N, C-alpha and C. Protein backbone atom coordinates (compact mmCIF):
# COMPACT_ATOMS: atom_id res chain seq x y z
N MET A 1 52.01 90.47 159.07
CA MET A 1 53.37 90.37 159.63
C MET A 1 54.09 91.72 159.49
N THR A 2 53.72 92.46 158.45
CA THR A 2 54.40 93.75 158.21
C THR A 2 54.06 94.75 159.31
N ARG A 3 52.93 94.55 159.96
CA ARG A 3 52.50 95.50 161.00
C ARG A 3 53.29 95.30 162.30
N LEU A 4 53.97 94.18 162.40
CA LEU A 4 54.73 93.90 163.63
C LEU A 4 55.77 94.98 163.88
N VAL A 5 56.38 95.48 162.82
CA VAL A 5 57.43 96.49 162.99
C VAL A 5 56.85 97.83 163.45
N PRO A 6 55.86 98.40 162.73
CA PRO A 6 55.28 99.68 163.14
C PRO A 6 54.40 99.55 164.37
N ALA A 7 53.90 98.33 164.63
CA ALA A 7 53.01 98.11 165.76
C ALA A 7 53.70 98.45 167.08
N ARG A 8 55.01 98.32 167.09
CA ARG A 8 55.75 98.61 168.32
C ARG A 8 55.73 100.10 168.62
N VAL A 9 55.59 100.90 167.58
CA VAL A 9 55.60 102.37 167.76
C VAL A 9 54.18 102.90 167.89
N GLU A 10 53.23 102.26 167.21
CA GLU A 10 51.84 102.73 167.21
C GLU A 10 51.22 102.76 168.61
N PRO A 11 51.39 101.71 169.42
CA PRO A 11 50.80 101.68 170.76
C PRO A 11 51.36 102.76 171.67
N ARG A 12 52.51 103.28 171.34
CA ARG A 12 53.11 104.32 172.19
C ARG A 12 52.54 105.71 171.88
N PRO A 13 52.70 106.21 170.64
CA PRO A 13 52.16 107.52 170.29
C PRO A 13 50.68 107.46 169.95
N GLY A 14 50.19 106.28 169.58
CA GLY A 14 48.78 106.11 169.25
C GLY A 14 48.49 106.57 167.83
N PRO A 15 47.60 107.58 167.68
CA PRO A 15 47.23 108.07 166.35
C PRO A 15 48.36 108.85 165.70
N GLY A 16 49.33 109.27 166.50
CA GLY A 16 50.45 110.07 165.97
C GLY A 16 51.61 109.19 165.56
N GLY A 17 51.34 107.91 165.30
CA GLY A 17 52.41 106.98 164.92
C GLY A 17 53.32 107.54 163.83
N PRO A 18 52.77 107.78 162.63
CA PRO A 18 53.58 108.30 161.52
C PRO A 18 54.05 109.72 161.78
N ALA A 19 53.23 110.51 162.46
CA ALA A 19 53.58 111.92 162.72
C ALA A 19 54.71 112.00 163.75
N ALA A 20 54.66 111.09 164.74
CA ALA A 20 55.67 111.12 165.79
C ALA A 20 56.80 110.15 165.47
N GLY A 21 56.86 109.71 164.22
CA GLY A 21 57.90 108.77 163.81
C GLY A 21 59.28 109.18 164.30
N PRO A 22 59.79 110.35 163.85
CA PRO A 22 61.12 110.80 164.26
C PRO A 22 61.16 111.25 165.71
N GLY A 23 60.01 111.59 166.26
CA GLY A 23 59.97 112.09 167.64
C GLY A 23 59.78 110.98 168.65
N ARG A 24 59.34 109.81 168.17
CA ARG A 24 59.10 108.69 169.10
C ARG A 24 60.39 108.30 169.80
N THR A 25 61.52 108.35 169.07
CA THR A 25 62.81 107.97 169.66
C THR A 25 63.24 109.01 170.68
N ARG A 26 62.95 110.26 170.40
CA ARG A 26 63.34 111.34 171.31
C ARG A 26 62.37 111.44 172.48
N GLY A 27 61.22 110.79 172.33
CA GLY A 27 60.22 110.85 173.39
C GLY A 27 59.44 112.15 173.34
N VAL A 28 59.41 112.77 172.15
CA VAL A 28 58.70 114.04 172.00
C VAL A 28 57.20 113.83 172.17
N TRP A 29 56.70 112.69 171.70
CA TRP A 29 55.26 112.41 171.79
C TRP A 29 54.82 112.31 173.24
N ILE A 30 55.79 112.04 174.14
CA ILE A 30 55.45 111.91 175.56
C ILE A 30 55.17 113.29 176.17
N ARG A 31 55.76 114.31 175.57
CA ARG A 31 55.58 115.67 176.10
C ARG A 31 54.17 116.18 175.80
N PRO A 32 53.65 117.07 176.62
CA PRO A 32 52.30 117.60 176.44
C PRO A 32 52.12 118.39 175.14
N PRO A 33 53.07 119.25 174.74
CA PRO A 33 52.93 120.03 173.51
C PRO A 33 52.92 119.14 172.27
N ALA A 34 53.73 118.09 172.28
CA ALA A 34 53.80 117.20 171.13
C ALA A 34 52.58 116.28 171.10
N ALA A 35 52.02 116.01 172.26
CA ALA A 35 50.86 115.12 172.34
C ALA A 35 49.61 115.81 171.79
N ARG A 36 49.61 117.12 171.82
CA ARG A 36 48.44 117.86 171.33
C ARG A 36 48.38 117.85 169.80
N LEU A 37 49.54 117.79 169.16
CA LEU A 37 49.59 117.81 167.69
C LEU A 37 48.88 116.59 167.09
N PRO A 38 49.25 115.34 167.50
CA PRO A 38 48.61 114.14 166.96
C PRO A 38 47.17 114.00 167.43
N CYS A 39 46.89 114.49 168.63
CA CYS A 39 45.53 114.36 169.18
C CYS A 39 44.57 115.30 168.45
N ALA A 40 45.09 116.47 168.09
CA ALA A 40 44.23 117.45 167.42
C ALA A 40 43.93 116.97 166.00
């Protein structure tokens, strides 16, 4: 049940869930430069 809260953010940034935590709201993970950080 505890995963329900972070699960909403995980499917969006993917592996960068915790890394894109503060950036998920700003949509930074959607940008190409920010997407390379969690992917790398």
